PDB file of all heavy atoms in Angstrom:
ATOM      1  N   THR A   1      56.123  57.120 -39.800  1.00  0.00           N
ATOM      2  CA  THR A   1      56.473  58.454 -40.284  1.00  0.00           C
ATOM      3  C   THR A   1      57.027  59.288 -39.138  1.00  0.00           C
ATOM      4  O   THR A   1      56.421  59.359 -38.062  1.00  0.00           O
ATOM      5  CB  THR A   1      55.239  59.157 -40.881  1.00  0.00           C
ATOM      6  OG1 THR A   1      54.695  58.339 -41.921  1.00  0.00           O
ATOM      7  CG2 THR A   1      55.618  60.517 -41.455  1.00  0.00           C
ATOM      8  N   GLN A   2      58.172  59.917 -39.382  1.00  0.00           N
ATOM      9  CA  GLN A   2      58.835  60.724 -38.354  1.00  0.00           C
ATOM     10  C   GLN A   2      57.968  61.923 -37.991  1.00  0.00           C
ATOM     11  O   GLN A   2      57.345  62.557 -38.853  1.00  0.00           O
ATOM     12  CB  GLN A   2      60.185  61.192 -38.874  1.00  0.00           C
ATOM     13  CG  GLN A   2      61.164  61.615 -37.800  1.00  0.00           C
ATOM     14  CD  GLN A   2      62.562  61.797 -38.382  1.00  0.00           C
ATOM     15  OE1 GLN A   2      62.742  62.510 -39.352  1.00  0.00           O
ATOM     16  NE2 GLN A   2      63.536  61.131 -37.788  1.00  0.00           N
ATOM     17  N   GLY A   3      57.946  62.232 -36.705  1.00  0.00           N
ATOM     18  CA  GLY A   3      57.122  63.328 -36.220  1.00  0.00           C
ATOM     19  C   GLY A   3      57.911  64.576 -35.906  1.00  0.00           C
ATOM     20  O   GLY A   3      58.795  64.988 -36.664  1.00  0.00           O
ATOM     21  N   SER A   4      57.651  65.154 -34.731  1.00  0.00           N
ATOM     22  CA  SER A   4      58.231  66.448 -34.370  1.00  0.00           C
ATOM     23  C   SER A   4      59.695  66.371 -33.972  1.00  0.00           C
ATOM     24  O   SER A   4      60.365  67.394 -33.858  1.00  0.00           O
ATOM     25  CB  SER A   4      57.419  67.065 -33.221  1.00  0.00           C
ATOM     26  OG  SER A   4      57.391  66.182 -32.105  1.00  0.00           O
ATOM     27  N   SER A   5      60.203  65.169 -33.750  1.00  0.00           N
ATOM     28  CA  SER A   5      61.615  65.001 -33.407  1.00  0.00           C
ATOM     29  C   SER A   5      62.101  63.706 -34.043  1.00  0.00           C
ATOM     30  O   SER A   5      61.292  62.848 -34.419  1.00  0.00           O
ATOM     31  CB  SER A   5      61.803  64.959 -31.891  1.00  0.00           C
ATOM     32  OG  SER A   5      61.348  63.722 -31.373  1.00  0.00           O
ATOM     33  N   PRO A   6      63.421  63.527 -34.162  1.00  0.00           N
ATOM     34  CA  PRO A   6      63.949  62.301 -34.786  1.00  0.00           C
ATOM     35  C   PRO A   6      63.526  61.024 -34.065  1.00  0.00           C
ATOM     36  O   PRO A   6      63.535  59.946 -34.668  1.00  0.00           O
ATOM     37  CB  PRO A   6      65.472  62.491 -34.706  1.00  0.00           C
ATOM     38  CG  PRO A   6      65.671  63.970 -34.656  1.00  0.00           C
ATOM     39  CD  PRO A   6      64.510  64.488 -33.853  1.00  0.00           C
ATOM     40  N   GLU A   7      63.154  61.136 -32.787  1.00  0.00           N
ATOM     41  CA  GLU A   7      62.814  59.943 -32.003  1.00  0.00           C
ATOM     42  C   GLU A   7      61.338  59.592 -32.041  1.00  0.00           C
ATOM     43  O   GLU A   7      60.942  58.521 -31.579  1.00  0.00           O
ATOM     44  CB  GLU A   7      63.238  60.143 -30.534  1.00  0.00           C
ATOM     45  CG  GLU A   7      64.727  60.297 -30.314  1.00  0.00           C
ATOM     46  CD  GLU A   7      65.235  61.700 -30.635  1.00  0.00           C
ATOM     47  OE1 GLU A   7      64.389  62.635 -30.669  1.00  0.00           O
ATOM     48  OE2 GLU A   7      66.446  61.856 -30.858  1.00  0.00           O
ATOM     49  N   LYS A   8      60.502  60.474 -32.574  1.00  0.00           N
ATOM     50  CA  LYS A   8      59.050  60.250 -32.541  1.00  0.00           C
ATOM     51  C   LYS A   8      58.558  59.762 -33.903  1.00  0.00           C
ATOM     52  O   LYS A   8      58.845  60.374 -34.927  1.00  0.00           O
ATOM     53  CB  LYS A   8      58.317  61.532 -32.148  1.00  0.00           C
ATOM     54  CG  LYS A   8      58.591  61.975 -30.719  1.00  0.00           C
ATOM     55  CD  LYS A   8      57.747  63.184 -30.360  1.00  0.00           C
ATOM     56  CE  LYS A   8      58.012  63.634 -28.920  1.00  0.00           C
ATOM     57  NZ  LYS A   8      57.660  62.603 -27.930  1.00  0.00           N
ATOM     58  N   PHE A   9      57.806  58.659 -33.891  1.00  0.00           N
ATOM     59  CA  PHE A   9      57.249  58.106 -35.124  1.00  0.00           C
ATOM     60  C   PHE A   9      55.787  57.745 -34.926  1.00  0.00           C
ATOM     61  O   PHE A   9      55.394  57.190 -33.894  1.00  0.00           O
ATOM     62  CB  PHE A   9      58.033  56.856 -35.556  1.00  0.00           C
ATOM     63  CG  PHE A   9      59.299  57.175 -36.286  1.00  0.00           C
ATOM     64  CD1 PHE A   9      60.455  57.492 -35.586  1.00  0.00           C
ATOM     65  CD2 PHE A   9      59.341  57.190 -37.670  1.00  0.00           C
ATOM     66  CE1 PHE A   9      61.627  57.808 -36.246  1.00  0.00           C
ATOM     67  CE2 PHE A   9      60.503  57.506 -38.348  1.00  0.00           C
ATOM     68  CZ  PHE A   9      61.651  57.813 -37.641  1.00  0.00           C
ATOM     69  N   GLU A  10      55.003  58.076 -35.944  1.00  0.00           N
ATOM     70  CA  GLU A  10      53.592  57.685 -35.974  1.00  0.00           C
ATOM     71  C   GLU A  10      53.467  56.484 -36.904  1.00  0.00           C
ATOM     72  O   GLU A  10      53.951  56.514 -38.040  1.00  0.00           O
ATOM     73  CB  GLU A  10      52.727  58.834 -36.486  1.00  0.00           C
ATOM     74  CG  GLU A  10      51.252  58.486 -36.571  1.00  0.00           C
ATOM     75  CD  GLU A  10      50.420  59.637 -37.106  1.00  0.00           C
ATOM     76  OE1 GLU A  10      50.911  60.804 -37.048  1.00  0.00           O
ATOM     77  OE2 GLU A  10      49.308  59.379 -37.594  1.00  0.00           O
ATOM     78  N   VAL A  11      52.832  55.439 -36.422  1.00  0.00           N
ATOM     79  CA  VAL A  11      52.740  54.186 -37.174  1.00  0.00           C
ATOM     80  C   VAL A  11      51.334  53.997 -37.730  1.00  0.00           C
ATOM     81  O   VAL A  11      50.347  54.146 -37.003  1.00  0.00           O
ATOM     82  CB  VAL A  11      53.124  52.985 -36.297  1.00  0.00           C
ATOM     83  CG1 VAL A  11      52.974  51.680 -37.073  1.00  0.00           C
ATOM     84  CG2 VAL A  11      54.550  53.134 -35.773  1.00  0.00           C
ATOM     85  N   LYS A  12      51.260  53.658 -38.991  1.00  0.00           N
ATOM     86  CA  LYS A  12      49.983  53.370 -39.640  1.00  0.00           C
ATOM     87  C   LYS A  12      50.006  51.924 -40.131  1.00  0.00           C
ATOM     88  O   LYS A  12      50.919  51.517 -40.849  1.00  0.00           O
ATOM     89  CB  LYS A  12      49.754  54.311 -40.828  1.00  0.00           C
ATOM     90  CG  LYS A  12      48.426  54.097 -41.548  1.00  0.00           C
ATOM     91  CD  LYS A  12      48.356  54.945 -42.816  1.00  0.00           C
ATOM     92  CE  LYS A  12      48.412  56.422 -42.490  1.00  0.00           C
ATOM     93  NZ  LYS A  12      48.246  57.244 -43.736  1.00  0.00           N
ATOM     94  N   LYS A  13      49.010  51.155 -39.733  1.00  0.00           N
ATOM     95  CA  LYS A  13      48.882  49.786 -40.215  1.00  0.00           C
ATOM     96  C   LYS A  13      48.112  49.805 -41.527  1.00  0.00           C
ATOM     97  O   LYS A  13      47.038  50.427 -41.624  1.00  0.00           O
ATOM     98  CB  LYS A  13      48.154  48.922 -39.194  1.00  0.00           C
ATOM     99  CG  LYS A  13      48.049  47.457 -39.599  1.00  0.00           C
ATOM    100  CD  LYS A  13      47.404  46.614 -38.516  1.00  0.00           C
ATOM    101  CE  LYS A  13      47.340  45.146 -38.907  1.00  0.00           C
ATOM    102  NZ  LYS A  13      46.733  44.295 -37.845  1.00  0.00           N
ATOM    103  N   LEU A  14      48.637  49.139 -42.538  1.00  0.00           N
ATOM    104  CA  LEU A  14      48.012  49.155 -43.861  1.00  0.00           C
ATOM    105  C   LEU A  14      47.349  47.806 -44.118  1.00  0.00           C
ATOM    106  O   LEU A  14      48.016  46.778 -44.224  1.00  0.00           O
ATOM    107  CB  LEU A  14      49.077  49.447 -44.922  1.00  0.00           C
ATOM    108  CG  LEU A  14      49.877  50.737 -44.725  1.00  0.00           C
ATOM    109  CD1 LEU A  14      50.961  50.875 -45.784  1.00  0.00           C
ATOM    110  CD2 LEU A  14      48.961  51.955 -44.722  1.00  0.00           C
ATOM    111  N   GLU A  15      46.023  47.827 -44.198  1.00  0.00           N
ATOM    112  CA  GLU A  15      45.250  46.613 -44.451  1.00  0.00           C
ATOM    113  C   GLU A  15      44.323  46.841 -45.649  1.00  0.00           C
ATOM    114  O   GLU A  15      43.427  47.691 -45.561  1.00  0.00           O
ATOM    115  CB  GLU A  15      44.434  46.217 -43.225  1.00  0.00           C
ATOM    116  CG  GLU A  15      45.258  45.762 -42.051  1.00  0.00           C
ATOM    117  CD  GLU A  15      44.394  45.314 -40.877  1.00  0.00           C
ATOM    118  OE1 GLU A  15      43.485  46.076 -40.495  1.00  0.00           O
ATOM    119  OE2 GLU A  15      44.614  44.212 -40.370  1.00  0.00           O
ATOM    120  N   PRO A  16      44.542  46.148 -46.746  1.00  0.00           N
ATOM    121  CA  PRO A  16      45.611  45.185 -46.986  1.00  0.00           C
ATOM    122  C   PRO A  16      46.949  45.908 -47.162  1.00  0.00           C
ATOM    123  O   PRO A  16      46.966  47.139 -47.320  1.00  0.00           O
ATOM    124  CB  PRO A  16      45.175  44.506 -48.287  1.00  0.00           C
ATOM    125  CG  PRO A  16      44.409  45.575 -49.004  1.00  0.00           C
ATOM    126  CD  PRO A  16      43.663  46.323 -47.925  1.00  0.00           C
ATOM    127  N   PRO A  17      48.068  45.192 -47.157  1.00  0.00           N
ATOM    128  CA  PRO A  17      49.368  45.839 -47.342  1.00  0.00           C
ATOM    129  C   PRO A  17      49.424  46.601 -48.662  1.00  0.00           C
ATOM    130  O   PRO A  17      48.838  46.180 -49.663  1.00  0.00           O
ATOM    131  CB  PRO A  17      50.347  44.655 -47.356  1.00  0.00           C
ATOM    132  CG  PRO A  17      49.652  43.596 -46.570  1.00  0.00           C
ATOM    133  CD  PRO A  17      48.196  43.752 -46.898  1.00  0.00           C
ATOM    134  N   ARG A  18      50.103  47.734 -48.632  1.00  0.00           N
ATOM    135  CA  ARG A  18      50.292  48.522 -49.858  1.00  0.00           C
ATOM    136  C   ARG A  18      51.362  47.860 -50.727  1.00  0.00           C
ATOM    137  O   ARG A  18      52.421  47.484 -50.236  1.00  0.00           O
ATOM    138  CB  ARG A  18      50.724  49.939 -49.512  1.00  0.00           C
ATOM    139  CG  ARG A  18      50.905  50.836 -50.750  1.00  0.00           C
ATOM    140  CD  ARG A  18      51.579  52.139 -50.381  1.00  0.00           C
ATOM    141  NE  ARG A  18      50.836  52.823 -49.354  1.00  0.00           N
ATOM    142  CZ  ARG A  18      51.375  53.686 -48.483  1.00  0.00           C
ATOM    143  NH1 ARG A  18      52.677  53.912 -48.514  1.00  0.00           N
ATOM    144  NH2 ARG A  18      50.627  54.279 -47.580  1.00  0.00           N
ATOM    145  N   GLU A  19      51.074  47.718 -51.998  1.00  0.00           N
ATOM    146  CA  GLU A  19      52.011  47.100 -52.928  1.00  0.00           C
ATOM    147  C   GLU A  19      52.862  48.185 -53.584  1.00  0.00           C
ATOM    148  O   GLU A  19      52.351  49.025 -54.318  1.00  0.00           O
ATOM    149  CB  GLU A  19      51.259  46.294 -53.993  1.00  0.00           C
ATOM    150  CG  GLU A  19      50.440  45.158 -53.402  1.00  0.00           C
ATOM    151  CD  GLU A  19      49.746  44.334 -54.471  1.00  0.00           C
ATOM    152  OE1 GLU A  19      49.881  44.674 -55.673  1.00  0.00           O
ATOM    153  OE2 GLU A  19      49.071  43.340 -54.121  1.00  0.00           O
ATOM    154  N   ASP A  20      54.150  48.146 -53.297  1.00  0.00           N
ATOM    155  CA  ASP A  20      55.065  49.161 -53.837  1.00  0.00           C
ATOM    156  C   ASP A  20      55.950  48.554 -54.920  1.00  0.00           C
ATOM    157  O   ASP A  20      56.521  47.475 -54.736  1.00  0.00           O
ATOM    158  CB  ASP A  20      55.946  49.725 -52.723  1.00  0.00           C
ATOM    159  CG  ASP A  20      56.854  50.842 -53.215  1.00  0.00           C
ATOM    160  OD1 ASP A  20      56.376  51.987 -53.314  1.00  0.00           O
ATOM    161  OD2 ASP A  20      58.024  50.554 -53.528  1.00  0.00           O
ATOM    162  N   THR A  21      56.053  49.259 -56.049  1.00  0.00           N
ATOM    163  CA  THR A  21      56.954  48.835 -57.128  1.00  0.00           C
ATOM    164  C   THR A  21      57.946  49.952 -57.456  1.00  0.00           C
ATOM    165  O   THR A  21      58.521  49.977 -58.535  1.00  0.00           O
ATOM    166  CB  THR A  21      56.162  48.459 -58.388  1.00  0.00           C
ATOM    167  OG1 THR A  21      55.330  49.566 -58.788  1.00  0.00           O
ATOM    168  CG2 THR A  21      55.285  47.242 -58.137  1.00  0.00           C
ATOM    169  N   GLY A  22      58.124  50.857 -56.499  1.00  0.00           N
ATOM    170  CA  GLY A  22      59.042  51.971 -56.687  1.00  0.00           C
ATOM    171  C   GLY A  22      60.258  51.849 -55.788  1.00  0.00           C
ATOM    172  O   GLY A  22      60.908  50.811 -55.732  1.00  0.00           O
ATOM    173  N   PHE A  23      60.546  52.920 -55.062  1.00  0.00           N
ATOM    174  CA  PHE A  23      61.771  52.987 -54.260  1.00  0.00           C
ATOM    175  C   PHE A  23      61.872  51.847 -53.261  1.00  0.00           C
ATOM    176  O   PHE A  23      62.907  51.177 -53.162  1.00  0.00           O
ATOM    177  CB  PHE A  23      61.850  54.329 -53.533  1.00  0.00           C
ATOM    178  CG  PHE A  23      63.017  54.416 -52.574  1.00  0.00           C
ATOM    179  CD1 PHE A  23      64.277  54.764 -53.028  1.00  0.00           C
ATOM    180  CD2 PHE A  23      62.855  54.118 -51.219  1.00  0.00           C
ATOM    181  CE1 PHE A  23      65.363  54.813 -52.148  1.00  0.00           C
ATOM    182  CE2 PHE A  23      63.926  54.177 -50.340  1.00  0.00           C
ATOM    183  CZ  PHE A  23      65.181  54.523 -50.810  1.00  0.00           C
ATOM    184  N   TYR A  24      60.816  51.624 -52.477  1.00  0.00           N
ATOM    185  CA  TYR A  24      60.904  50.638 -51.404  1.00  0.00           C
ATOM    186  C   TYR A  24      61.140  49.231 -51.963  1.00  0.00           C
ATOM    187  O   TYR A  24      61.901  48.440 -51.383  1.00  0.00           O
ATOM    188  CB  TYR A  24      59.644  50.672 -50.544  1.00  0.00           C
ATOM    189  CG  TYR A  24      59.486  51.960 -49.777  1.00  0.00           C
ATOM    190  CD1 TYR A  24      58.498  52.880 -50.113  1.00  0.00           C
ATOM    191  CD2 TYR A  24      60.337  52.261 -48.719  1.00  0.00           C
ATOM    192  CE1 TYR A  24      58.358  54.067 -49.407  1.00  0.00           C
ATOM    193  CE2 TYR A  24      60.210  53.448 -48.008  1.00  0.00           C
ATOM    194  CZ  TYR A  24      59.212  54.353 -48.362  1.00  0.00           C
ATOM    195  OH  TYR A  24      59.099  55.528 -47.668  1.00  0.00           O
TER     196      TYR A  24
END
C-alpha cells in the first residue's frame, strides 16, 4: 500500500493468502 509519497510502500503478508474474485 502506497504511503506518504509515491516511492514509499507498506507491505503486509497475508497468511493464508486472500482469495480475490473481484478486480484483482
